[in-house]
Amino acid sequence: MFFAKSCRAKSCRAKSCRAKSCLAGLSLLALTACTSTITALPGTPEFAAAQVSRGYDCGLKVDRQGVLARVAREDRQRFLSTSASLAVKSYKAPRRCDAAERFAVQRELALLSRR
């Protein structure tokens, strides 16, 4: 890492090296938090809820009940809780989508409602 190499200089003290490394780690963590999105695995109730939420964000017609009907009975509560949390986040900070993302979400929603 860049900071580890710069800390090998004779004028650098051990405490300042650790502080630089810690600061770099925190900066990287903060940057990751700013750019992260939900990345649930396909086939999980969380993924289905995320796709339903994206469908609403993109202005698509979403068959939420059809998707929910195809989620396993034991996983429906996970779908509902994830869907509720995503709805709150989407309401507070709505996102628009371009044509390619809109098409991908539309295709995924069609697959989810057919299962």
N, C-alpha and C. Protein backbone atom coordinates (compact mmCIF):
# COMPACT_ATOMS: atom_id res chain seq x y z
N MET A 1 0.84 -1.18 0.00
CA MET A 1 0.00 0.00 0.00
C MET A 1 0.88 1.24 0.00
N PHE A 2 0.42 2.32 -0.54
CA PHE A 2 1.19 3.54 -0.68
C PHE A 2 1.68 4.05 0.67
N PHE A 3 0.79 4.07 1.68
CA PHE A 3 1.16 4.62 2.97
C PHE A 3 2.20 3.77 3.67
N ALA A 4 2.18 2.48 3.46
CA ALA A 4 3.17 1.60 4.09
C ALA A 4 4.56 1.91 3.55
N LYS A 5 4.69 2.17 2.26
CA LYS A 5 5.99 2.49 1.66
C LYS A 5 6.48 3.85 2.15
N SER A 6 5.59 4.82 2.25
CA SER A 6 6.02 6.15 2.67
C SER A 6 6.39 6.18 4.14
N CYS A 7 5.91 5.24 4.92
CA CYS A 7 6.21 5.21 6.34
C CYS A 7 7.56 4.56 6.63
N ARG A 8 8.20 4.03 5.65
CA ARG A 8 9.51 3.41 5.87
C ARG A 8 10.63 4.45 5.91
N ALA A 9 10.33 5.67 5.60
CA ALA A 9 11.35 6.71 5.63
C ALA A 9 11.85 6.89 7.06
N LYS A 10 13.11 7.27 7.18
CA LYS A 10 13.73 7.40 8.51
C LYS A 10 13.09 8.51 9.33
N SER A 11 12.57 9.52 8.66
CA SER A 11 11.99 10.64 9.40
C SER A 11 10.58 10.36 9.91
N CYS A 12 10.02 9.27 9.48
CA CYS A 12 8.64 8.94 9.87
C CYS A 12 8.64 8.17 11.18
N ARG A 13 7.80 8.56 12.08
CA ARG A 13 7.70 7.86 13.37
C ARG A 13 6.65 6.77 13.28
N ALA A 14 6.75 5.80 14.16
CA ALA A 14 5.85 4.64 14.13
C ALA A 14 4.39 5.05 14.35
N LYS A 15 4.14 5.98 15.27
CA LYS A 15 2.76 6.39 15.55
C LYS A 15 2.13 7.08 14.35
N SER A 16 2.90 7.93 13.69
CA SER A 16 2.33 8.63 12.54
C SER A 16 2.09 7.66 11.38
N CYS A 17 2.92 6.62 11.28
CA CYS A 17 2.71 5.61 10.24
C CYS A 17 1.41 4.87 10.49
N ARG A 18 1.17 4.50 11.74
CA ARG A 18 -0.07 3.80 12.07
C ARG A 18 -1.27 4.72 11.84
N ALA A 19 -1.11 5.98 12.17
CA ALA A 19 -2.21 6.93 11.97
C ALA A 19 -2.52 7.09 10.49
N LYS A 20 -1.47 7.16 9.66
CA LYS A 20 -1.70 7.28 8.21
C LYS A 20 -2.40 6.03 7.67
N SER A 21 -1.96 4.87 8.13
CA SER A 21 -2.59 3.63 7.67
C SER A 21 -4.04 3.56 8.11
N CYS A 22 -4.29 3.96 9.34
CA CYS A 22 -5.66 3.95 9.87
C CYS A 22 -6.54 4.94 9.10
N LEU A 23 -5.99 6.11 8.83
CA LEU A 23 -6.73 7.12 8.09
C LEU A 23 -7.05 6.65 6.68
N ALA A 24 -6.08 6.00 6.06
CA ALA A 24 -6.31 5.47 4.71
C ALA A 24 -7.40 4.40 4.72
N GLY A 25 -7.37 3.54 5.73
CA GLY A 25 -8.39 2.50 5.84
C GLY A 25 -9.78 3.08 6.06
N LEU A 26 -9.87 4.09 6.91
CA LEU A 26 -11.16 4.73 7.16
C LEU A 26 -11.67 5.45 5.92
N SER A 27 -10.77 6.08 5.19
CA SER A 27 -11.18 6.76 3.96
C SER A 27 -11.72 5.76 2.94
N LEU A 28 -11.04 4.64 2.82
CA LEU A 28 -11.49 3.60 1.90
C LEU A 28 -12.84 3.05 2.32
N LEU A 29 -13.02 2.84 3.61
CA LEU A 29 -14.29 2.34 4.12
C LEU A 29 -15.42 3.34 3.86
N ALA A 30 -15.15 4.62 4.07
CA ALA A 30 -16.17 5.64 3.83
C ALA A 30 -16.52 5.72 2.35
N LEU A 31 -15.53 5.61 1.49
CA LEU A 31 -15.78 5.64 0.06
C LEU A 31 -16.62 4.44 -0.37
N THR A 32 -16.33 3.28 0.18
CA THR A 32 -17.09 2.08 -0.13
C THR A 32 -18.54 2.23 0.31
N ALA A 33 -18.76 2.82 1.47
CA ALA A 33 -20.13 3.01 1.97
C ALA A 33 -20.91 3.97 1.08
N CYS A 34 -20.24 4.95 0.52
CA CYS A 34 -20.93 5.92 -0.33
C CYS A 34 -21.35 5.33 -1.67
N THR A 35 -20.59 4.37 -2.17
CA THR A 35 -20.86 3.86 -3.51
C THR A 35 -21.52 2.49 -3.50
N SER A 36 -21.81 1.95 -2.34
CA SER A 36 -22.35 0.59 -2.31
C SER A 36 -23.84 0.58 -2.61
N THR A 37 -24.28 -0.49 -3.20
CA THR A 37 -25.69 -0.73 -3.44
C THR A 37 -26.00 -2.12 -2.94
N ILE A 38 -27.26 -2.43 -2.91
CA ILE A 38 -27.64 -3.76 -2.46
C ILE A 38 -27.22 -4.78 -3.50
N THR A 39 -26.46 -5.75 -3.06
CA THR A 39 -25.99 -6.78 -3.98
C THR A 39 -26.40 -8.14 -3.44
N ALA A 40 -27.68 -8.37 -3.34
CA ALA A 40 -28.18 -9.66 -2.89
C ALA A 40 -27.98 -10.69 -3.99
N LEU A 41 -27.81 -11.91 -3.59
CA LEU A 41 -27.61 -12.99 -4.55
C LEU A 41 -28.91 -13.31 -5.27
N PRO A 42 -28.86 -13.54 -6.57
CA PRO A 42 -30.08 -13.92 -7.31
C PRO A 42 -30.68 -15.20 -6.71
N GLY A 43 -31.99 -15.23 -6.66
CA GLY A 43 -32.69 -16.38 -6.10
C GLY A 43 -33.07 -16.21 -4.64
N THR A 44 -32.58 -15.15 -4.00
CA THR A 44 -32.92 -14.91 -2.60
C THR A 44 -34.10 -13.95 -2.52
N PRO A 45 -34.83 -13.96 -1.40
CA PRO A 45 -35.94 -13.02 -1.24
C PRO A 45 -35.46 -11.56 -1.25
N GLU A 46 -34.24 -11.33 -0.76
CA GLU A 46 -33.69 -9.98 -0.76
C GLU A 46 -33.47 -9.47 -2.20
N PHE A 47 -33.02 -10.36 -3.08
CA PHE A 47 -32.82 -10.00 -4.48
C PHE A 47 -34.16 -9.66 -5.13
N ALA A 48 -35.17 -10.48 -4.87
CA ALA A 48 -36.49 -10.22 -5.44
C ALA A 48 -37.03 -8.88 -4.96
N ALA A 49 -36.86 -8.59 -3.66
CA ALA A 49 -37.34 -7.32 -3.12
C ALA A 49 -36.58 -6.14 -3.74
N ALA A 50 -35.29 -6.30 -3.95
CA ALA A 50 -34.49 -5.24 -4.56
C ALA A 50 -34.93 -4.98 -5.99
N GLN A 51 -35.24 -6.04 -6.72
CA GLN A 51 -35.68 -5.87 -8.11
C GLN A 51 -37.06 -5.21 -8.16
N VAL A 52 -37.94 -5.57 -7.25
CA VAL A 52 -39.26 -4.93 -7.19
C VAL A 52 -39.09 -3.44 -6.90
N SER A 53 -38.21 -3.11 -5.96
CA SER A 53 -37.97 -1.72 -5.63
C SER A 53 -37.39 -0.95 -6.82
N ARG A 54 -36.44 -1.56 -7.52
CA ARG A 54 -35.87 -0.91 -8.70
C ARG A 54 -36.92 -0.74 -9.79
N GLY A 55 -37.83 -1.71 -9.90
CA GLY A 55 -38.91 -1.58 -10.87
C GLY A 55 -39.77 -0.37 -10.60
N TYR A 56 -40.10 -0.16 -9.33
CA TYR A 56 -40.87 1.04 -8.96
C TYR A 56 -40.07 2.30 -9.26
N ASP A 57 -38.77 2.29 -8.94
CA ASP A 57 -37.92 3.46 -9.20
C ASP A 57 -37.87 3.79 -10.69
N CYS A 58 -37.87 2.75 -11.53
CA CYS A 58 -37.79 2.95 -12.98
C CYS A 58 -39.14 3.27 -13.61
N GLY A 59 -40.20 3.26 -12.81
CA GLY A 59 -41.52 3.57 -13.34
C GLY A 59 -42.17 2.42 -14.09
N LEU A 60 -41.74 1.20 -13.80
CA LEU A 60 -42.30 0.02 -14.47
C LEU A 60 -43.54 -0.47 -13.75
N LYS A 61 -44.38 -1.17 -14.47
CA LYS A 61 -45.53 -1.84 -13.86
C LYS A 61 -44.98 -3.09 -13.17
N VAL A 62 -45.20 -3.20 -11.87
CA VAL A 62 -44.63 -4.29 -11.08
C VAL A 62 -45.76 -5.15 -10.52
N ASP A 63 -45.69 -6.45 -10.77
CA ASP A 63 -46.64 -7.41 -10.20
C ASP A 63 -46.07 -7.92 -8.88
N ARG A 64 -46.16 -7.08 -7.85
CA ARG A 64 -45.55 -7.42 -6.55
C ARG A 64 -46.18 -8.67 -5.96
N GLN A 65 -47.49 -8.80 -6.08
CA GLN A 65 -48.16 -9.98 -5.54
C GLN A 65 -47.75 -11.24 -6.29
N GLY A 66 -47.53 -11.12 -7.59
CA GLY A 66 -47.06 -12.26 -8.37
C GLY A 66 -45.67 -12.70 -7.95
N VAL A 67 -44.80 -11.73 -7.69
CA VAL A 67 -43.44 -12.05 -7.22
C VAL A 67 -43.52 -12.67 -5.83
N LEU A 68 -44.32 -12.08 -4.96
CA LEU A 68 -44.46 -12.59 -3.59
C LEU A 68 -45.03 -14.00 -3.58
N ALA A 69 -45.96 -14.30 -4.48
CA ALA A 69 -46.56 -15.63 -4.54
C ALA A 69 -45.53 -16.70 -4.91
N ARG A 70 -44.49 -16.30 -5.61
CA ARG A 70 -43.47 -17.27 -6.04
C ARG A 70 -42.29 -17.37 -5.08
N VAL A 71 -42.29 -16.54 -4.04
CA VAL A 71 -41.28 -16.66 -3.00
C VAL A 71 -41.72 -17.77 -2.06
N ALA A 72 -40.77 -18.60 -1.65
CA ALA A 72 -41.10 -19.71 -0.75
C ALA A 72 -41.78 -19.18 0.52
N ARG A 73 -42.73 -19.95 1.01
CA ARG A 73 -43.54 -19.52 2.15
C ARG A 73 -42.68 -19.13 3.36
N GLU A 74 -41.62 -19.88 3.61
CA GLU A 74 -40.77 -19.58 4.77
C GLU A 74 -39.89 -18.34 4.56
N ASP A 75 -39.76 -17.89 3.31
CA ASP A 75 -38.94 -16.71 3.01
C ASP A 75 -39.75 -15.44 2.79
N ARG A 76 -41.06 -15.52 2.88
CA ARG A 76 -41.90 -14.36 2.59
C ARG A 76 -41.69 -13.22 3.57
N GLN A 77 -41.44 -13.54 4.83
CA GLN A 77 -41.22 -12.48 5.82
C GLN A 77 -39.93 -11.72 5.50
N ARG A 78 -38.90 -12.43 5.05
CA ARG A 78 -37.65 -11.77 4.65
C ARG A 78 -37.90 -10.84 3.46
N PHE A 79 -38.70 -11.31 2.50
CA PHE A 79 -39.04 -10.48 1.34
C PHE A 79 -39.77 -9.22 1.78
N LEU A 80 -40.76 -9.37 2.64
CA LEU A 80 -41.56 -8.23 3.08
C LEU A 80 -40.74 -7.22 3.87
N SER A 81 -39.88 -7.70 4.77
CA SER A 81 -39.08 -6.76 5.57
C SER A 81 -38.04 -6.04 4.71
N THR A 82 -37.42 -6.76 3.78
CA THR A 82 -36.46 -6.12 2.88
C THR A 82 -37.17 -5.13 1.97
N SER A 83 -38.33 -5.51 1.48
CA SER A 83 -39.10 -4.62 0.61
C SER A 83 -39.48 -3.34 1.34
N ALA A 84 -39.88 -3.46 2.60
CA ALA A 84 -40.26 -2.28 3.38
C ALA A 84 -39.06 -1.37 3.61
N SER A 85 -37.90 -1.93 3.92
CA SER A 85 -36.73 -1.09 4.15
C SER A 85 -36.27 -0.41 2.86
N LEU A 86 -36.37 -1.11 1.74
CA LEU A 86 -35.99 -0.50 0.46
C LEU A 86 -36.97 0.59 0.05
N ALA A 87 -38.23 0.42 0.38
CA ALA A 87 -39.23 1.43 0.03
C ALA A 87 -38.94 2.73 0.77
N VAL A 88 -38.54 2.63 2.03
CA VAL A 88 -38.22 3.82 2.81
C VAL A 88 -36.99 4.51 2.23
N LYS A 89 -35.95 3.73 1.89
CA LYS A 89 -34.73 4.31 1.32
C LYS A 89 -35.02 4.95 -0.03
N SER A 90 -35.84 4.31 -0.83
CA SER A 90 -36.17 4.83 -2.16
C SER A 90 -36.99 6.11 -2.05
N TYR A 91 -37.86 6.17 -1.07
CA TYR A 91 -38.67 7.37 -0.88
C TYR A 91 -37.80 8.55 -0.48
N LYS A 92 -36.81 8.29 0.39
CA LYS A 92 -35.93 9.37 0.86
C LYS A 92 -34.94 9.82 -0.21
N ALA A 93 -34.49 8.90 -1.05
CA ALA A 93 -33.50 9.24 -2.08
C ALA A 93 -33.80 8.47 -3.36
N PRO A 94 -34.82 8.89 -4.11
CA PRO A 94 -35.18 8.15 -5.33
C PRO A 94 -34.06 8.20 -6.37
N ARG A 95 -33.94 7.13 -7.12
CA ARG A 95 -32.94 7.04 -8.18
C ARG A 95 -33.64 6.86 -9.51
N ARG A 96 -33.10 7.46 -10.51
CA ARG A 96 -33.61 7.26 -11.87
C ARG A 96 -32.78 6.18 -12.53
N CYS A 97 -33.31 5.61 -13.60
CA CYS A 97 -32.55 4.59 -14.31
C CYS A 97 -32.54 4.90 -15.80
N ASP A 98 -31.47 4.49 -16.45
CA ASP A 98 -31.37 4.70 -17.89
C ASP A 98 -32.08 3.56 -18.62
N ALA A 99 -32.10 3.61 -19.94
CA ALA A 99 -32.85 2.64 -20.75
C ALA A 99 -32.32 1.22 -20.58
N ALA A 100 -31.00 1.07 -20.50
CA ALA A 100 -30.42 -0.27 -20.36
C ALA A 100 -30.79 -0.89 -19.01
N GLU A 101 -30.69 -0.09 -17.94
CA GLU A 101 -31.05 -0.61 -16.63
C GLU A 101 -32.54 -0.90 -16.56
N ARG A 102 -33.34 -0.05 -17.16
CA ARG A 102 -34.79 -0.25 -17.18
C ARG A 102 -35.13 -1.57 -17.87
N PHE A 103 -34.48 -1.85 -19.00
CA PHE A 103 -34.72 -3.10 -19.73
C PHE A 103 -34.29 -4.30 -18.89
N ALA A 104 -33.13 -4.22 -18.23
CA ALA A 104 -32.63 -5.32 -17.41
C ALA A 104 -33.57 -5.60 -16.23
N VAL A 105 -34.04 -4.55 -15.58
CA VAL A 105 -34.95 -4.71 -14.45
C VAL A 105 -36.28 -5.28 -14.93
N GLN A 106 -36.76 -4.82 -16.07
CA GLN A 106 -38.02 -5.32 -16.62
C GLN A 106 -37.91 -6.81 -16.93
N ARG A 107 -36.79 -7.22 -17.51
CA ARG A 107 -36.57 -8.64 -17.83
C ARG A 107 -36.50 -9.48 -16.55
N GLU A 108 -35.79 -8.98 -15.54
CA GLU A 108 -35.66 -9.72 -14.28
C GLU A 108 -37.01 -9.83 -13.57
N LEU A 109 -37.80 -8.77 -13.59
CA LEU A 109 -39.13 -8.83 -12.97
C LEU A 109 -40.03 -9.83 -13.68
N ALA A 110 -39.92 -9.91 -14.99
CA ALA A 110 -40.72 -10.90 -15.74
C ALA A 110 -40.32 -12.31 -15.33
N LEU A 111 -39.03 -12.54 -15.16
CA LEU A 111 -38.57 -13.87 -14.72
C LEU A 111 -39.04 -14.17 -13.30
N LEU A 112 -38.98 -13.19 -12.42
CA LEU A 112 -39.38 -13.41 -11.03
C LEU A 112 -40.88 -13.68 -10.91
N SER A 113 -41.69 -13.06 -11.73
CA SER A 113 -43.14 -13.27 -11.61
C SER A 113 -43.59 -14.56 -12.29
N ARG A 114 -42.73 -15.16 -13.12
CA ARG A 114 -43.08 -16.43 -13.78
C ARG A 114 -42.68 -17.66 -12.98
N ARG A 115 -41.77 -17.51 -12.05
CA ARG A 115 -41.27 -18.69 -11.31
C ARG A 115 -42.35 -19.37 -10.53
